[in-house]
Amino acid sequence: MSAVPRLTASPRGLPCRRSLLLAGLAALQAPPFAAGQMLVATPALRDPDFARSVILLFSVTPEAAMGLMLNRPLPRRAGEPQMYAGGPVAQGVRSLTPEAADPSATRLCPGVWLVPGQTKSPKGRIYLGYTGWTAAQLRQEWLRGLWRILDGDAAAVFDPRPEQLWQRLAAQAR
């Protein structure tokens, strides 16, 4: 990630136009994403893998972003915990829990912790797979208006009706 240019002053002590322009361009180039944020698909996103999805970002670097779909519960099997489709990248199991009961847990936002593997917490949610983008790809999708960004929220992450989460958050994100 490039550093934001320093503002240089004009003879009157005000930032010069060139300096302001460079600072503005640097701000536009900086991706607005961070772990713990939620992405809410807009109606313009028609890709069947992502349409009407709500994603909690759990890793954001200058090169890539990864997240978990919050609103895709899988059919439940008798005697097994509820599982969720975390995304189309079928690699690994991750869990979200409302407490840091596991020493390997990473805090994503208030009241939400990421745990590698399957949680034993009855309050946690287990995700199979994840979503992933290059940083440039996600930024382009955002610039095209395909995603709205919301702060992570434990009430949304652990919503008792995840299949209705997109409708509620899409209205909030406008």
N, C-alpha and C. Protein backbone atom coordinates (compact mmCIF):
# COMPACT_ATOMS: atom_id res chain seq x y z
N MET A 1 0.86 -1.17 0.00
CA MET A 1 0.00 0.00 0.00
C MET A 1 0.90 1.23 0.00
N SER A 2 0.57 2.18 -0.87
CA SER A 2 1.39 3.37 -0.95
C SER A 2 1.06 4.35 0.17
N ALA A 3 2.05 5.12 0.55
CA ALA A 3 1.86 6.11 1.61
C ALA A 3 1.11 7.31 1.04
N VAL A 4 0.35 7.97 1.87
CA VAL A 4 -0.34 9.18 1.47
C VAL A 4 0.68 10.30 1.35
N PRO A 5 0.66 11.04 0.21
CA PRO A 5 1.66 12.10 0.05
C PRO A 5 1.51 13.18 1.10
N ARG A 6 2.63 13.78 1.47
CA ARG A 6 2.59 14.88 2.43
C ARG A 6 2.06 16.11 1.73
N LEU A 7 1.27 16.89 2.46
CA LEU A 7 0.76 18.14 1.91
C LEU A 7 1.84 19.20 2.00
N THR A 8 2.08 19.87 0.88
CA THR A 8 3.05 20.97 0.88
C THR A 8 2.29 22.27 0.91
N ALA A 9 2.88 23.27 1.53
CA ALA A 9 2.19 24.55 1.70
C ALA A 9 2.57 25.53 0.60
N SER A 10 1.61 26.36 0.25
CA SER A 10 1.86 27.47 -0.68
C SER A 10 2.52 28.59 0.11
N PRO A 11 2.95 29.66 -0.57
CA PRO A 11 3.58 30.78 0.16
C PRO A 11 2.67 31.38 1.23
N ARG A 12 1.37 31.25 1.08
CA ARG A 12 0.45 31.81 2.08
C ARG A 12 0.17 30.82 3.23
N GLY A 13 0.83 29.67 3.21
CA GLY A 13 0.65 28.71 4.29
C GLY A 13 -0.50 27.74 4.08
N LEU A 14 -1.16 27.80 2.94
CA LEU A 14 -2.26 26.89 2.63
C LEU A 14 -1.74 25.73 1.79
N PRO A 15 -2.37 24.56 1.88
CA PRO A 15 -1.92 23.44 1.04
C PRO A 15 -2.07 23.81 -0.44
N CYS A 16 -1.08 23.48 -1.24
CA CYS A 16 -1.16 23.81 -2.67
C CYS A 16 -2.07 22.83 -3.39
N ARG A 17 -2.58 23.22 -4.54
CA ARG A 17 -3.54 22.40 -5.29
C ARG A 17 -2.96 21.05 -5.66
N ARG A 18 -1.72 21.03 -6.12
CA ARG A 18 -1.11 19.76 -6.52
C ARG A 18 -1.04 18.80 -5.34
N SER A 19 -0.66 19.33 -4.19
CA SER A 19 -0.57 18.51 -2.99
C SER A 19 -1.94 17.95 -2.60
N LEU A 20 -2.98 18.79 -2.68
CA LEU A 20 -4.34 18.33 -2.38
C LEU A 20 -4.80 17.28 -3.37
N LEU A 21 -4.49 17.46 -4.64
CA LEU A 21 -4.88 16.50 -5.67
C LEU A 21 -4.20 15.16 -5.43
N LEU A 22 -2.91 15.16 -5.13
CA LEU A 22 -2.20 13.91 -4.87
C LEU A 22 -2.75 13.20 -3.63
N ALA A 23 -3.06 13.96 -2.60
CA ALA A 23 -3.63 13.34 -1.39
C ALA A 23 -5.00 12.75 -1.70
N GLY A 24 -5.80 13.44 -2.50
CA GLY A 24 -7.12 12.93 -2.88
C GLY A 24 -7.02 11.67 -3.71
N LEU A 25 -6.07 11.62 -4.65
CA LEU A 25 -5.88 10.43 -5.47
C LEU A 25 -5.43 9.24 -4.62
N ALA A 26 -4.55 9.49 -3.67
CA ALA A 26 -4.09 8.41 -2.79
C ALA A 26 -5.25 7.86 -1.98
N ALA A 27 -6.14 8.74 -1.52
CA ALA A 27 -7.29 8.28 -0.74
C ALA A 27 -8.23 7.45 -1.61
N LEU A 28 -8.40 7.81 -2.87
CA LEU A 28 -9.26 7.04 -3.77
C LEU A 28 -8.68 5.67 -4.08
N GLN A 29 -7.36 5.57 -4.11
CA GLN A 29 -6.72 4.30 -4.43
C GLN A 29 -6.69 3.35 -3.23
N ALA A 30 -6.75 3.87 -2.03
CA ALA A 30 -6.68 3.03 -0.84
C ALA A 30 -7.98 2.24 -0.71
N PRO A 31 -7.89 0.91 -0.64
CA PRO A 31 -9.12 0.14 -0.48
C PRO A 31 -9.76 0.44 0.86
N PRO A 32 -11.09 0.55 0.88
CA PRO A 32 -11.77 0.90 2.12
C PRO A 32 -12.09 -0.30 3.00
N PHE A 33 -11.49 -1.44 2.72
CA PHE A 33 -11.88 -2.67 3.40
C PHE A 33 -11.01 -2.97 4.60
N ALA A 34 -11.62 -3.64 5.59
CA ALA A 34 -10.89 -4.08 6.78
C ALA A 34 -11.56 -5.32 7.34
N ALA A 35 -10.77 -6.17 7.97
CA ALA A 35 -11.35 -7.33 8.65
C ALA A 35 -12.36 -6.84 9.68
N GLY A 36 -13.48 -7.55 9.77
CA GLY A 36 -14.54 -7.16 10.69
C GLY A 36 -15.65 -6.37 10.03
N GLN A 37 -15.45 -5.95 8.78
CA GLN A 37 -16.52 -5.25 8.06
C GLN A 37 -17.42 -6.27 7.37
N MET A 38 -18.65 -5.85 7.11
CA MET A 38 -19.58 -6.68 6.36
C MET A 38 -19.77 -6.10 4.97
N LEU A 39 -19.80 -6.96 3.98
CA LEU A 39 -20.15 -6.58 2.62
C LEU A 39 -21.57 -7.04 2.37
N VAL A 40 -22.41 -6.14 1.89
CA VAL A 40 -23.80 -6.47 1.57
C VAL A 40 -23.94 -6.30 0.06
N ALA A 41 -24.30 -7.38 -0.62
CA ALA A 41 -24.46 -7.33 -2.07
C ALA A 41 -25.60 -6.38 -2.43
N THR A 42 -25.39 -5.59 -3.48
CA THR A 42 -26.47 -4.74 -3.97
C THR A 42 -27.28 -5.55 -4.99
N PRO A 43 -28.48 -5.09 -5.32
CA PRO A 43 -29.26 -5.81 -6.34
C PRO A 43 -28.55 -5.91 -7.69
N ALA A 44 -27.58 -5.04 -7.96
CA ALA A 44 -26.84 -5.08 -9.22
C ALA A 44 -25.92 -6.30 -9.32
N LEU A 45 -25.60 -6.93 -8.19
CA LEU A 45 -24.72 -8.10 -8.20
C LEU A 45 -25.55 -9.33 -8.56
N ARG A 46 -25.34 -9.84 -9.77
CA ARG A 46 -26.16 -10.95 -10.28
C ARG A 46 -25.44 -12.30 -10.31
N ASP A 47 -24.17 -12.33 -9.95
CA ASP A 47 -23.44 -13.59 -9.91
C ASP A 47 -24.16 -14.52 -8.92
N PRO A 48 -24.60 -15.71 -9.37
CA PRO A 48 -25.38 -16.57 -8.47
C PRO A 48 -24.64 -16.99 -7.20
N ASP A 49 -23.29 -16.98 -7.23
CA ASP A 49 -22.54 -17.34 -6.02
C ASP A 49 -22.61 -16.23 -4.96
N PHE A 50 -22.87 -14.99 -5.38
CA PHE A 50 -22.81 -13.87 -4.45
C PHE A 50 -24.08 -13.03 -4.36
N ALA A 51 -25.03 -13.23 -5.26
CA ALA A 51 -26.26 -12.44 -5.25
C ALA A 51 -26.95 -12.58 -3.88
N ARG A 52 -27.42 -11.43 -3.38
CA ARG A 52 -28.15 -11.38 -2.10
C ARG A 52 -27.34 -11.97 -0.94
N SER A 53 -26.04 -11.77 -0.96
CA SER A 53 -25.21 -12.31 0.12
C SER A 53 -24.76 -11.22 1.09
N VAL A 54 -24.47 -11.66 2.30
CA VAL A 54 -23.88 -10.82 3.34
C VAL A 54 -22.60 -11.53 3.76
N ILE A 55 -21.49 -10.82 3.68
CA ILE A 55 -20.18 -11.43 3.93
C ILE A 55 -19.46 -10.66 5.03
N LEU A 56 -18.91 -11.38 5.98
CA LEU A 56 -18.07 -10.79 7.02
C LEU A 56 -16.62 -11.02 6.61
N LEU A 57 -15.88 -9.93 6.39
CA LEU A 57 -14.47 -10.05 6.03
C LEU A 57 -13.67 -10.49 7.26
N PHE A 58 -12.83 -11.52 7.08
CA PHE A 58 -11.99 -11.95 8.20
C PHE A 58 -10.51 -11.74 7.95
N SER A 59 -10.13 -11.45 6.70
CA SER A 59 -8.73 -11.17 6.40
C SER A 59 -8.68 -10.20 5.23
N VAL A 60 -7.96 -9.10 5.42
CA VAL A 60 -7.76 -8.11 4.36
C VAL A 60 -6.28 -7.72 4.37
N THR A 61 -5.63 -7.90 3.23
CA THR A 61 -4.24 -7.49 3.05
C THR A 61 -4.17 -6.62 1.79
N PRO A 62 -3.04 -6.00 1.52
CA PRO A 62 -2.92 -5.24 0.26
C PRO A 62 -3.10 -6.12 -0.99
N GLU A 63 -2.95 -7.43 -0.84
CA GLU A 63 -3.05 -8.34 -1.98
C GLU A 63 -4.41 -9.01 -2.12
N ALA A 64 -5.11 -9.27 -1.02
CA ALA A 64 -6.32 -10.09 -1.09
C ALA A 64 -7.27 -9.81 0.08
N ALA A 65 -8.49 -10.30 -0.09
CA ALA A 65 -9.50 -10.22 0.97
C ALA A 65 -10.24 -11.56 1.02
N MET A 66 -10.59 -11.98 2.25
CA MET A 66 -11.34 -13.22 2.44
C MET A 66 -12.46 -12.97 3.44
N GLY A 67 -13.56 -13.67 3.25
CA GLY A 67 -14.70 -13.50 4.14
C GLY A 67 -15.57 -14.74 4.20
N LEU A 68 -16.58 -14.67 5.06
CA LEU A 68 -17.54 -15.76 5.24
C LEU A 68 -18.95 -15.25 4.96
N MET A 69 -19.70 -15.99 4.16
CA MET A 69 -21.10 -15.65 3.91
C MET A 69 -21.90 -15.97 5.16
N LEU A 70 -22.61 -14.98 5.64
CA LEU A 70 -23.35 -15.13 6.90
C LEU A 70 -24.75 -15.68 6.70
N ASN A 71 -25.29 -15.59 5.51
CA ASN A 71 -26.71 -15.87 5.31
C ASN A 71 -26.99 -17.07 4.41
N ARG A 72 -26.12 -18.08 4.46
CA ARG A 72 -26.32 -19.27 3.65
C ARG A 72 -26.29 -20.54 4.50
N PRO A 73 -27.32 -20.75 5.34
CA PRO A 73 -27.33 -22.00 6.12
C PRO A 73 -27.50 -23.20 5.21
N LEU A 74 -26.80 -24.27 5.51
CA LEU A 74 -26.93 -25.52 4.76
C LEU A 74 -28.03 -26.37 5.38
N PRO A 75 -28.59 -27.31 4.62
CA PRO A 75 -29.60 -28.21 5.21
C PRO A 75 -29.00 -28.91 6.42
N ARG A 76 -29.76 -28.94 7.48
CA ARG A 76 -29.26 -29.51 8.74
C ARG A 76 -29.53 -31.01 8.79
N ARG A 77 -28.52 -31.74 9.20
CA ARG A 77 -28.66 -33.19 9.38
C ARG A 77 -28.96 -33.48 10.84
N ALA A 78 -29.80 -34.45 11.07
CA ALA A 78 -30.19 -34.82 12.43
C ALA A 78 -28.96 -35.14 13.27
N GLY A 79 -28.91 -34.55 14.45
CA GLY A 79 -27.83 -34.82 15.39
C GLY A 79 -26.54 -34.06 15.11
N GLU A 80 -26.51 -33.25 14.08
CA GLU A 80 -25.30 -32.49 13.76
C GLU A 80 -25.55 -31.00 13.96
N PRO A 81 -24.49 -30.24 14.24
CA PRO A 81 -24.68 -28.79 14.39
C PRO A 81 -25.02 -28.15 13.04
N GLN A 82 -25.68 -27.01 13.10
CA GLN A 82 -25.99 -26.26 11.88
C GLN A 82 -24.70 -25.81 11.22
N MET A 83 -24.59 -26.02 9.92
CA MET A 83 -23.43 -25.57 9.15
C MET A 83 -23.88 -24.51 8.16
N TYR A 84 -22.94 -23.67 7.74
CA TYR A 84 -23.21 -22.60 6.79
C TYR A 84 -22.23 -22.70 5.63
N ALA A 85 -22.70 -22.32 4.44
CA ALA A 85 -21.82 -22.23 3.27
C ALA A 85 -21.06 -20.92 3.41
N GLY A 86 -19.77 -20.99 3.71
CA GLY A 86 -18.97 -19.79 3.91
C GLY A 86 -18.62 -19.10 2.61
N GLY A 87 -18.68 -19.83 1.51
CA GLY A 87 -18.39 -19.27 0.20
C GLY A 87 -17.98 -20.33 -0.78
N PRO A 88 -17.78 -19.93 -2.04
CA PRO A 88 -17.50 -20.90 -3.09
C PRO A 88 -16.08 -21.46 -3.10
N VAL A 89 -15.18 -20.90 -2.31
CA VAL A 89 -13.83 -21.47 -2.22
C VAL A 89 -13.89 -22.57 -1.18
N ALA A 90 -13.91 -23.80 -1.66
CA ALA A 90 -14.13 -24.95 -0.77
C ALA A 90 -12.82 -25.38 -0.12
N GLN A 91 -12.42 -24.64 0.85
CA GLN A 91 -11.17 -24.97 1.52
C GLN A 91 -11.31 -24.68 3.00
N GLY A 92 -11.36 -25.71 3.80
CA GLY A 92 -11.30 -25.56 5.23
C GLY A 92 -12.61 -25.24 5.92
N VAL A 93 -12.53 -25.34 7.22
CA VAL A 93 -13.65 -25.06 8.11
C VAL A 93 -13.22 -23.95 9.04
N ARG A 94 -14.10 -22.97 9.22
CA ARG A 94 -13.87 -21.86 10.15
C ARG A 94 -15.13 -21.67 10.96
N SER A 95 -14.98 -21.09 12.13
CA SER A 95 -16.14 -20.84 12.97
C SER A 95 -16.12 -19.40 13.47
N LEU A 96 -17.30 -18.88 13.71
CA LEU A 96 -17.47 -17.58 14.36
C LEU A 96 -18.14 -17.83 15.69
N THR A 97 -17.60 -17.22 16.74
CA THR A 97 -18.17 -17.38 18.07
C THR A 97 -18.33 -16.01 18.73
N PRO A 98 -19.26 -15.91 19.70
CA PRO A 98 -19.44 -14.62 20.38
C PRO A 98 -18.47 -14.41 21.55
N GLU A 99 -17.58 -15.39 21.78
CA GLU A 99 -16.60 -15.24 22.86
C GLU A 99 -15.27 -15.83 22.41
N ALA A 100 -14.20 -15.44 23.08
CA ALA A 100 -12.86 -15.91 22.75
C ALA A 100 -12.51 -17.12 23.60
N ALA A 101 -13.30 -18.16 23.53
CA ALA A 101 -13.06 -19.35 24.35
C ALA A 101 -11.85 -20.14 23.87
N ASP A 102 -11.50 -20.00 22.62
CA ASP A 102 -10.38 -20.74 22.03
C ASP A 102 -9.15 -19.83 22.00
N PRO A 103 -7.96 -20.32 22.41
CA PRO A 103 -6.77 -19.47 22.41
C PRO A 103 -6.34 -19.02 21.01
N SER A 104 -6.80 -19.72 19.96
CA SER A 104 -6.44 -19.33 18.60
C SER A 104 -7.46 -18.37 17.98
N ALA A 105 -8.43 -17.93 18.77
CA ALA A 105 -9.48 -17.04 18.26
C ALA A 105 -8.92 -15.65 17.95
N THR A 106 -9.45 -15.05 16.89
CA THR A 106 -9.09 -13.69 16.47
C THR A 106 -10.33 -12.83 16.52
N ARG A 107 -10.25 -11.69 17.20
CA ARG A 107 -11.39 -10.77 17.29
C ARG A 107 -11.56 -10.04 15.97
N LEU A 108 -12.78 -10.11 15.39
CA LEU A 108 -13.07 -9.40 14.15
C LEU A 108 -13.81 -8.10 14.38
N CYS A 109 -14.71 -8.11 15.33
CA CYS A 109 -15.46 -6.91 15.71
C CYS A 109 -16.05 -7.21 17.08
N PRO A 110 -16.64 -6.22 17.75
CA PRO A 110 -17.18 -6.48 19.09
C PRO A 110 -18.15 -7.67 19.09
N GLY A 111 -17.85 -8.66 19.92
CA GLY A 111 -18.72 -9.82 20.08
C GLY A 111 -18.60 -10.86 18.99
N VAL A 112 -17.56 -10.79 18.14
CA VAL A 112 -17.38 -11.78 17.06
C VAL A 112 -15.91 -12.19 17.01
N TRP A 113 -15.69 -13.49 17.14
CA TRP A 113 -14.35 -14.07 17.12
C TRP A 113 -14.27 -15.14 16.05
N LEU A 114 -13.18 -15.15 15.29
CA LEU A 114 -12.92 -16.17 14.27
C LEU A 114 -12.07 -17.27 14.89
N VAL A 115 -12.49 -18.52 14.67
CA VAL A 115 -11.76 -19.68 15.18
C VAL A 115 -11.46 -20.60 14.00
N PRO A 116 -10.20 -21.00 13.83
CA PRO A 116 -9.93 -21.98 12.77
C PRO A 116 -10.52 -23.32 13.16
N GLY A 117 -11.13 -24.00 12.23
CA GLY A 117 -11.72 -25.30 12.52
C GLY A 117 -13.13 -25.17 13.07
N GLN A 118 -13.61 -26.28 13.62
CA GLN A 118 -14.98 -26.36 14.10
C GLN A 118 -15.05 -26.03 15.58
N THR A 119 -15.87 -25.04 15.91
CA THR A 119 -16.01 -24.64 17.30
C THR A 119 -16.83 -25.66 18.08
N LYS A 120 -16.58 -25.71 19.35
CA LYS A 120 -17.38 -26.55 20.24
C LYS A 120 -18.44 -25.72 20.96
N SER A 121 -18.36 -24.41 20.78
CA SER A 121 -19.30 -23.50 21.44
C SER A 121 -20.71 -23.68 20.87
N PRO A 122 -21.70 -23.88 21.73
CA PRO A 122 -23.07 -24.01 21.23
C PRO A 122 -23.60 -22.70 20.64
N LYS A 123 -22.94 -21.58 20.97
CA LYS A 123 -23.36 -20.29 20.43
C LYS A 123 -22.67 -19.95 19.11
N GLY A 124 -21.67 -20.74 18.73
CA GLY A 124 -20.89 -20.47 17.53
C GLY A 124 -21.57 -20.96 16.26
N ARG A 125 -21.02 -20.52 15.14
CA ARG A 125 -21.49 -20.95 13.82
C ARG A 125 -20.31 -21.50 13.04
N ILE A 126 -20.56 -22.58 12.31
CA ILE A 126 -19.52 -23.30 11.58
C ILE A 126 -19.72 -23.05 10.08
N TYR A 127 -18.63 -22.67 9.41
CA TYR A 127 -18.68 -22.33 7.99
C TYR A 127 -17.77 -23.26 7.19
N LEU A 128 -18.32 -23.78 6.10
CA LEU A 128 -17.54 -24.60 5.17
C LEU A 128 -17.19 -23.73 3.98
N GLY A 129 -15.89 -23.61 3.68
CA GLY A 129 -15.46 -22.77 2.58
C GLY A 129 -15.41 -21.30 2.97
N TYR A 130 -15.05 -20.46 2.00
CA TYR A 130 -14.98 -19.02 2.24
C TYR A 130 -15.06 -18.29 0.91
N THR A 131 -15.13 -16.98 0.97
CA THR A 131 -15.10 -16.15 -0.22
C THR A 131 -13.71 -15.53 -0.32
N GLY A 132 -13.29 -15.25 -1.53
CA GLY A 132 -11.97 -14.65 -1.69
C GLY A 132 -11.87 -13.83 -2.96
N TRP A 133 -11.10 -12.76 -2.88
CA TRP A 133 -10.86 -11.86 -4.01
C TRP A 133 -9.41 -11.39 -3.95
N THR A 134 -8.89 -10.96 -5.09
CA THR A 134 -7.68 -10.15 -5.04
C THR A 134 -8.15 -8.78 -4.56
N ALA A 135 -7.26 -8.01 -4.00
CA ALA A 135 -7.64 -6.67 -3.52
C ALA A 135 -8.18 -5.82 -4.66
N ALA A 136 -7.54 -5.91 -5.84
CA ALA A 136 -7.98 -5.13 -6.99
C ALA A 136 -9.38 -5.55 -7.45
N GLN A 137 -9.64 -6.84 -7.44
CA GLN A 137 -10.95 -7.34 -7.88
C GLN A 137 -12.07 -6.84 -6.96
N LEU A 138 -11.87 -6.96 -5.65
CA LEU A 138 -12.91 -6.50 -4.72
C LEU A 138 -13.09 -5.00 -4.82
N ARG A 139 -12.00 -4.26 -4.95
CA ARG A 139 -12.10 -2.81 -5.08
C ARG A 139 -12.89 -2.43 -6.33
N GLN A 140 -12.64 -3.11 -7.46
CA GLN A 140 -13.38 -2.82 -8.69
C GLN A 140 -14.87 -3.14 -8.53
N GLU A 141 -15.19 -4.24 -7.88
CA GLU A 141 -16.59 -4.59 -7.65
C GLU A 141 -17.26 -3.52 -6.79
N TRP A 142 -16.54 -3.03 -5.78
CA TRP A 142 -17.09 -1.99 -4.92
C TRP A 142 -17.29 -0.70 -5.71
N LEU A 143 -16.30 -0.31 -6.54
CA LEU A 143 -16.43 0.90 -7.34
C LEU A 143 -17.57 0.80 -8.35
N ARG A 144 -17.88 -0.40 -8.81
CA ARG A 144 -19.00 -0.61 -9.73
C ARG A 144 -20.35 -0.64 -9.00
N GLY A 145 -20.33 -0.50 -7.69
CA GLY A 145 -21.58 -0.45 -6.93
C GLY A 145 -22.18 -1.81 -6.63
N LEU A 146 -21.35 -2.86 -6.62
CA LEU A 146 -21.88 -4.20 -6.36
C LEU A 146 -21.93 -4.54 -4.88
N TRP A 147 -21.22 -3.79 -4.05
CA TRP A 147 -21.17 -4.05 -2.60
C TRP A 147 -21.38 -2.76 -1.83
N ARG A 148 -22.05 -2.88 -0.70
CA ARG A 148 -22.11 -1.82 0.31
C ARG A 148 -21.32 -2.32 1.51
N ILE A 149 -20.68 -1.41 2.21
CA ILE A 149 -19.85 -1.77 3.35
C ILE A 149 -20.54 -1.31 4.63
N LEU A 150 -20.66 -2.22 5.58
CA LEU A 150 -21.19 -1.91 6.91
C LEU A 150 -20.18 -2.37 7.96
N ASP A 151 -20.21 -1.74 9.12
CA ASP A 151 -19.38 -2.21 10.22
C ASP A 151 -19.89 -3.57 10.68
N GLY A 152 -18.95 -4.43 11.08
CA GLY A 152 -19.34 -5.73 11.61
C GLY A 152 -20.21 -5.56 12.84
N ASP A 153 -21.15 -6.47 13.00
CA ASP A 153 -22.14 -6.36 14.06
C ASP A 153 -22.50 -7.76 14.55
N ALA A 154 -22.27 -8.04 15.82
CA ALA A 154 -22.55 -9.37 16.36
C ALA A 154 -24.02 -9.76 16.19
N ALA A 155 -24.93 -8.81 16.31
CA ALA A 155 -26.35 -9.14 16.14
C ALA A 155 -26.63 -9.64 14.73
N ALA A 156 -25.97 -9.07 13.74
CA ALA A 156 -26.14 -9.54 12.36
C ALA A 156 -25.44 -10.89 12.15
N VAL A 157 -24.23 -11.02 12.67
CA VAL A 157 -23.47 -12.26 12.49
C VAL A 157 -24.22 -13.45 13.08
N PHE A 158 -24.82 -13.26 14.25
CA PHE A 158 -25.50 -14.37 14.92
C PHE A 158 -27.03 -14.23 14.85
N ASP A 159 -27.50 -13.58 13.81
CA ASP A 159 -28.94 -13.37 13.61
C ASP A 159 -29.66 -14.72 13.62
N PRO A 160 -30.76 -14.84 14.37
CA PRO A 160 -31.47 -16.11 14.43
C PRO A 160 -32.18 -16.48 13.11
N ARG A 161 -32.32 -15.51 12.20
CA ARG A 161 -32.95 -15.78 10.90
C ARG A 161 -31.99 -15.35 9.78
N PRO A 162 -30.88 -16.07 9.61
CA PRO A 162 -29.86 -15.64 8.65
C PRO A 162 -30.37 -15.58 7.20
N GLU A 163 -31.36 -16.39 6.87
CA GLU A 163 -31.88 -16.37 5.50
C GLU A 163 -32.61 -15.06 5.18
N GLN A 164 -32.95 -14.25 6.18
CA GLN A 164 -33.59 -12.96 5.98
C GLN A 164 -32.64 -11.78 6.22
N LEU A 165 -31.39 -12.08 6.50
CA LEU A 165 -30.41 -11.05 6.85
C LEU A 165 -30.17 -10.07 5.70
N TRP A 166 -30.06 -10.57 4.47
CA TRP A 166 -29.77 -9.69 3.34
C TRP A 166 -30.85 -8.62 3.19
N GLN A 167 -32.12 -9.00 3.26
CA GLN A 167 -33.19 -8.03 3.09
C GLN A 167 -33.08 -6.90 4.12
N ARG A 168 -32.81 -7.26 5.37
CA ARG A 168 -32.72 -6.24 6.42
C ARG A 168 -31.51 -5.33 6.23
N LEU A 169 -30.35 -5.93 5.94
CA LEU A 169 -29.14 -5.12 5.81
C LEU A 169 -29.10 -4.34 4.50
N ALA A 170 -29.66 -4.88 3.44
CA ALA A 170 -29.69 -4.15 2.16
C ALA A 170 -30.45 -2.84 2.32
N ALA A 171 -31.55 -2.87 3.06
CA ALA A 171 -32.32 -1.64 3.31
C ALA A 171 -31.50 -0.67 4.16
N GLN A 172 -30.76 -1.18 5.13
CA GLN A 172 -29.95 -0.35 6.03
C GLN A 172 -28.75 0.26 5.29
N ALA A 173 -28.21 -0.46 4.30
CA ALA A 173 -26.98 -0.04 3.64
C ALA A 173 -27.21 0.98 2.52
N ARG A 174 -28.43 1.35 2.24
CA ARG A 174 -28.69 2.31 1.14
C ARG A 174 -28.27 3.70 1.49
